[in-house]
Amino acid sequence: MLSMNAIQDPVYRDEPAVEADQRDVQPVISANNVTVSYGDKVALSNVSLHAPANQVTSLIGPSGCGKTTFLRCLNRMNDLIDICRVEGEILVAGQDIYDPAVDVVSLRAHVGMVFQKANPFPKSIFDNVAYGLRIHEMTTSKTELQDRVEFSLKRAGLWDEVSDRLNDSGTSLSGGQQQRLCIARTIAVEPQVILMDEPCSALDPVATARIEELIDELRKKFTIIIVTHSMHQAARISQRTAFFHMGELVEHGETEQIFTTPKDTRTESYITGRIG
């Protein structure tokens, strides 16, 4: 059985953070000629996009343009939709994730996902973060489990706020705290890639700012792909941006270039508000 073991796991601890501009920028995710259909309806057509290591790639575009459909392809979430068909090639660290022998559970540990609406489990704060560590058998002792939960909550910027109430329900937290708890749960299993589907859309400006600061910190260790409707957010947090329109990837490149000198008139029209 082919697993995702070919993907190099990030080191859990004792490895200094390495900024993206200090290493060779190589694509961690490579999508080549990806077409997605729901029954007879084509939702995405012939999309090719590469996400470099330790950078934030933002997917922007009008509602219904295929951003989330593409994002869900990257950890095979679309497998959960019976009528969905994905064609083309998606590689994670050089491995075809749609190879029939790939262990999808293992894939989703390597390519984690944070959803639009925070979805903490109806469990304690501790058990939310420990969940993936337990099901993937990633710790060998209670002490190691506790250490990794604490480490993940600190990395998600939540430890100081919850360290004295780890047995409280995750659902008792505020909206912004719940989203950071979900991020802590995702990063606890040390994914290589984090997918985020509009993680700030339900949050107030203060909570949004904290999540954006967290994303900038997390990219030192992880490759992040985020769907956002906020062009201001894309400009603030991402190094690369991809513009989707009507199921097509119109163009992608460095964020500054996309926002200042787009190559396609449709991109310019979207950025300037003439289409949306």
Protein backbone atom coordinates (compact mmCIF):
# COMPACT_ATOMS: atom_id res chain seq x y z
CA MET A 1 0.00 0.00 0.00
CA LEU A 2 1.49 3.31 -1.08
CA SER A 3 1.33 5.89 1.67
CA MET A 4 2.37 9.51 1.93
CA ASN A 5 5.63 8.53 3.61
CA ALA A 6 7.52 9.94 0.63
CA ILE A 7 6.63 13.40 1.90
CA GLN A 8 9.27 14.72 4.22
CA ASP A 9 7.76 15.51 7.60
CA PRO A 10 8.70 18.86 9.15
CA VAL A 11 10.82 18.41 12.27
CA TYR A 12 8.73 18.62 15.45
CA ARG A 13 11.12 20.64 17.57
CA ASP A 14 14.72 21.80 18.07
CA GLU A 15 14.92 22.96 14.43
CA PRO A 16 15.37 26.72 14.03
CA ALA A 17 12.79 28.42 11.86
CA VAL A 18 14.07 29.08 8.35
CA GLU A 19 12.67 31.99 6.45
CA ALA A 20 11.45 31.30 2.91
CA ASP A 21 14.06 33.56 1.33
CA GLN A 22 16.86 31.59 2.99
CA ARG A 23 16.23 28.39 1.07
CA ASP A 24 15.61 27.31 -2.47
CA VAL A 25 11.99 27.99 -3.32
CA GLN A 26 10.65 24.71 -4.68
CA PRO A 27 7.02 23.80 -5.31
CA VAL A 28 5.57 21.59 -2.60
CA ILE A 29 2.28 21.29 -4.47
CA SER A 30 2.15 21.01 -8.25
CA ALA A 31 -1.24 20.85 -9.97
CA ASN A 32 -1.07 20.07 -13.67
CA ASN A 33 -4.05 20.37 -16.04
CA VAL A 34 -6.61 19.75 -13.30
CA THR A 35 -10.25 19.62 -14.38
CA VAL A 36 -13.05 19.06 -11.86
CA SER A 37 -16.61 18.12 -12.77
CA TYR A 38 -19.76 17.62 -10.73
CA GLY A 39 -21.76 15.29 -12.88
CA ASP A 40 -22.06 17.05 -16.24
CA LYS A 41 -21.04 20.45 -14.85
CA VAL A 42 -17.41 21.46 -15.24
CA ALA A 43 -16.40 23.48 -12.18
CA LEU A 44 -12.69 23.86 -12.97
CA SER A 45 -11.03 23.58 -16.33
CA ASN A 46 -7.37 22.77 -17.02
CA VAL A 47 -5.83 24.41 -13.95
CA SER A 48 -2.07 24.29 -13.48
CA LEU A 49 -0.67 25.91 -10.35
CA HIS A 50 2.43 25.44 -8.22
CA ALA A 51 2.77 26.39 -4.55
CA PRO A 52 6.35 27.00 -3.35
CA ALA A 53 7.64 25.85 0.02
CA ASN A 54 7.24 28.14 3.01
CA GLN A 55 5.16 30.71 1.20
CA VAL A 56 1.53 31.76 1.44
CA THR A 57 -0.37 31.38 -1.83
CA SER A 58 -3.72 33.20 -1.93
CA LEU A 59 -6.55 32.11 -4.21
CA ILE A 60 -8.79 35.04 -5.11
CA GLY A 61 -11.76 35.56 -7.40
CA PRO A 62 -15.54 36.02 -7.41
CA SER A 63 -17.86 33.64 -5.57
CA GLY A 64 -18.41 30.40 -7.44
CA CYS A 65 -15.25 30.71 -9.54
CA GLY A 66 -13.71 27.44 -8.34
CA LYS A 67 -11.32 28.53 -5.58
CA THR A 68 -12.67 26.22 -2.89
CA THR A 69 -13.19 23.39 -5.37
CA PHE A 70 -9.51 23.59 -6.24
CA LEU A 71 -8.47 23.82 -2.59
CA ARG A 72 -10.46 20.69 -1.74
CA CYS A 73 -8.69 18.79 -4.50
CA LEU A 74 -5.38 19.23 -2.73
CA ASN A 75 -6.22 16.83 0.10
CA ARG A 76 -8.92 14.90 -1.75
CA MET A 77 -11.82 16.35 0.20
CA ASN A 78 -13.79 16.18 -3.04
CA ASP A 79 -13.67 12.40 -2.71
CA LEU A 80 -16.54 12.85 -0.26
CA ILE A 81 -18.81 14.05 -3.10
CA ASP A 82 -20.02 11.07 -5.13
CA ILE A 83 -20.63 12.96 -8.37
CA CYS A 84 -17.27 14.77 -8.29
CA ARG A 85 -14.63 13.72 -10.81
CA VAL A 86 -11.06 15.06 -10.72
CA GLU A 87 -8.83 14.74 -13.78
CA GLY A 88 -5.24 15.77 -14.22
CA GLU A 89 -2.31 15.47 -11.85
CA ILE A 90 -1.70 16.82 -8.35
CA LEU A 91 1.68 16.19 -6.78
CA VAL A 92 2.60 16.78 -3.15
CA ALA A 93 6.37 16.71 -2.72
CA GLY A 94 6.54 14.91 -6.03
CA GLN A 95 4.00 12.19 -5.19
CA ASP A 96 0.73 11.80 -7.11
CA ILE A 97 -1.93 12.08 -4.41
CA TYR A 98 -4.57 10.58 -6.72
CA ASP A 99 -2.64 7.35 -7.11
CA PRO A 100 -5.21 4.67 -6.12
CA ALA A 101 -2.80 3.26 -3.56
CA VAL A 102 -2.40 6.50 -1.60
CA ASP A 103 -3.67 6.33 1.98
CA VAL A 104 -6.09 9.27 2.11
CA VAL A 105 -6.05 9.44 5.91
CA SER A 106 -2.28 9.81 5.84
CA LEU A 107 -2.55 12.38 3.04
CA ARG A 108 -4.87 14.55 5.13
CA ALA A 109 -2.38 14.48 7.97
CA HIS A 110 0.28 15.81 5.58
CA VAL A 111 -2.08 18.29 3.94
CA GLY A 112 -4.21 19.72 6.75
CA MET A 113 -7.26 21.93 6.32
CA VAL A 114 -8.76 24.83 8.27
CA PHE A 115 -12.33 25.57 7.27
CA GLN A 116 -14.29 28.79 6.83
CA LYS A 117 -16.25 28.25 10.03
CA ALA A 118 -14.34 27.12 13.09
CA ASN A 119 -15.29 23.53 13.82
CA PRO A 120 -13.86 22.45 17.17
CA PHE A 121 -14.88 18.97 18.21
CA PRO A 122 -17.34 18.70 21.13
CA LYS A 123 -14.40 17.75 23.31
CA SER A 124 -12.07 19.50 25.70
CA ILE A 125 -9.49 21.96 24.42
CA PHE A 126 -6.80 19.41 25.18
CA ASP A 127 -8.58 16.57 23.40
CA ASN A 128 -9.21 18.72 20.33
CA VAL A 129 -5.47 19.18 19.82
CA ALA A 130 -4.60 15.64 20.89
CA TYR A 131 -7.12 14.04 18.54
CA GLY A 132 -4.89 13.68 15.47
CA LEU A 133 -1.86 12.74 17.54
CA ARG A 134 -3.83 9.85 19.00
CA ILE A 135 -5.43 8.51 15.83
CA HIS A 136 -2.11 8.65 13.98
CA GLU A 137 -0.29 7.18 17.00
CA MET A 138 2.28 9.95 16.92
CA THR A 139 3.17 9.89 20.63
CA THR A 140 4.43 7.09 22.84
CA SER A 141 3.67 8.43 26.30
CA LYS A 142 1.26 10.67 28.15
CA THR A 143 4.07 13.15 28.80
CA GLU A 144 4.95 13.37 25.12
CA LEU A 145 1.28 13.87 24.24
CA GLN A 146 0.99 16.69 26.77
CA ASP A 147 4.17 18.30 25.48
CA ARG A 148 3.00 18.23 21.88
CA VAL A 149 -0.43 19.63 22.75
CA GLU A 150 1.24 22.48 24.63
CA PHE A 151 3.71 23.05 21.79
CA SER A 152 0.88 23.24 19.22
CA LEU A 153 -1.21 25.62 21.32
CA LYS A 154 1.82 27.87 21.78
CA ARG A 155 2.57 27.77 18.06
CA ALA A 156 -1.06 28.76 17.38
CA GLY A 157 -0.78 31.67 19.84
CA LEU A 158 -3.43 30.25 22.15
CA TRP A 159 -1.56 28.71 25.08
CA ASP A 160 -1.50 31.77 27.33
CA GLU A 161 -5.27 32.12 26.96
CA VAL A 162 -6.24 28.50 27.67
CA SER A 163 -3.40 26.90 29.67
CA ASP A 164 -5.44 26.97 32.89
CA ARG A 165 -8.61 25.51 31.33
CA LEU A 166 -7.53 22.73 29.03
CA ASN A 167 -10.42 20.58 30.26
CA ASP A 168 -13.02 23.15 29.17
CA SER A 169 -14.94 22.46 25.98
CA GLY A 170 -13.40 23.80 22.79
CA THR A 171 -16.81 25.19 21.90
CA SER A 172 -16.69 27.49 24.95
CA LEU A 173 -14.02 29.65 23.32
CA SER A 174 -14.65 32.82 21.32
CA GLY A 175 -14.85 32.63 17.54
CA GLY A 176 -11.27 33.75 17.01
CA GLN A 177 -10.01 31.41 19.72
CA GLN A 178 -11.93 28.52 18.19
CA GLN A 179 -10.29 29.16 14.84
CA ARG A 180 -6.85 29.22 16.45
CA LEU A 181 -7.75 25.99 18.26
CA CYS A 182 -8.58 24.43 14.89
CA ILE A 183 -5.23 25.64 13.58
CA ALA A 184 -3.50 24.12 16.61
CA ARG A 185 -5.32 20.84 15.95
CA THR A 186 -4.19 20.93 12.32
CA ILE A 187 -0.53 21.69 12.99
CA ALA A 188 -0.24 19.21 15.89
CA VAL A 189 0.29 16.35 13.43
CA GLU A 190 3.03 18.33 11.64
CA PRO A 191 1.55 18.66 8.15
CA GLN A 192 3.71 19.90 5.32
CA VAL A 193 0.88 21.95 3.83
CA ILE A 194 -1.98 23.87 5.47
CA LEU A 195 -5.06 24.65 3.41
CA MET A 196 -7.29 27.49 4.65
CA ASP A 197 -10.74 28.18 3.27
CA GLU A 198 -11.61 31.77 4.19
CA PRO A 199 -10.51 31.27 7.81
CA CYS A 200 -11.28 34.88 8.80
CA SER A 201 -14.63 35.41 7.09
CA ALA A 202 -16.62 34.99 10.32
CA LEU A 203 -14.21 36.91 12.54
CA ASP A 204 -14.06 40.53 13.70
CA PRO A 205 -11.12 42.75 12.66
CA VAL A 206 -9.16 42.11 15.87
CA ALA A 207 -9.45 38.33 15.58
CA THR A 208 -8.67 38.56 11.85
CA ALA A 209 -5.48 40.48 12.56
CA ARG A 210 -4.36 37.80 15.02
CA ILE A 211 -5.00 35.03 12.51
CA GLU A 212 -3.08 36.94 9.83
CA GLU A 213 -0.13 37.41 12.19
CA LEU A 214 -0.30 33.70 12.95
CA ILE A 215 -0.32 32.78 9.26
CA ASP A 216 2.79 34.88 8.69
CA GLU A 217 4.53 33.09 11.55
CA LEU A 218 3.39 29.62 10.48
CA ARG A 219 4.75 29.96 6.95
CA LYS A 220 8.26 29.65 8.40
CA LYS A 221 7.44 26.00 9.01
CA PHE A 222 4.57 25.23 6.65
CA THR A 223 3.43 25.88 3.10
CA ILE A 224 0.05 27.62 3.20
CA ILE A 225 -2.65 27.96 0.55
CA ILE A 226 -5.56 30.19 1.48
CA VAL A 227 -8.85 31.03 -0.21
CA THR A 228 -9.89 34.59 0.56
CA HIS A 229 -12.52 37.02 -0.73
CA SER A 230 -10.51 39.89 0.71
CA MET A 231 -8.00 41.28 -1.74
CA HIS A 232 -6.57 43.40 1.07
CA GLN A 233 -5.93 40.24 3.05
CA ALA A 234 -4.30 38.54 0.07
CA ALA A 235 -2.04 41.56 -0.42
CA ARG A 236 -1.09 41.59 3.28
CA ILE A 237 -0.30 37.95 3.93
CA SER A 238 0.64 36.20 0.70
CA GLN A 239 3.79 35.98 -1.36
CA ARG A 240 1.95 34.55 -4.37
CA THR A 241 -1.60 35.06 -5.63
CA ALA A 242 -3.75 33.15 -8.11
CA PHE A 243 -6.83 34.71 -9.70
CA PHE A 244 -9.72 32.40 -10.64
CA HIS A 245 -12.68 33.40 -12.79
CA MET A 246 -15.57 31.24 -14.01
CA GLY A 247 -13.76 27.97 -13.35
CA GLU A 248 -10.52 29.07 -14.98
CA LEU A 249 -7.19 30.02 -13.48
CA VAL A 250 -6.65 33.34 -15.24
CA GLU A 251 -3.16 34.08 -13.96
CA HIS A 252 -0.90 33.60 -10.98
CA GLY A 253 2.41 34.98 -9.83
CA GLU A 254 4.04 37.09 -7.16
CA THR A 255 1.41 38.97 -5.19
CA GLU A 256 2.89 42.40 -5.86
CA GLN A 257 2.92 41.73 -9.59
CA ILE A 258 -0.66 40.46 -9.63
CA PHE A 259 -1.93 43.54 -7.80
CA THR A 260 0.16 46.17 -9.55
CA THR A 261 0.80 44.92 -13.07
CA PRO A 262 -1.62 42.08 -13.87
CA LYS A 263 -1.16 40.53 -17.29
CA ASP A 264 -4.84 39.77 -17.98
CA THR A 265 -7.54 42.43 -18.27
CA ARG A 266 -9.93 40.23 -16.26
CA THR A 267 -7.53 40.29 -13.33
CA GLU A 268 -7.26 44.05 -13.53
CA SER A 269 -11.04 44.38 -13.73
CA TYR A 270 -11.49 42.24 -10.61
CA ILE A 271 -8.84 44.02 -8.60
CA THR A 272 -10.27 47.43 -9.51
CA GLY A 273 -13.82 46.32 -8.70
CA ARG A 274 -15.24 46.33 -12.21
CA ILE A 275 -16.10 42.63 -11.95
CA GLY A 276 -16.81 40.64 -8.83
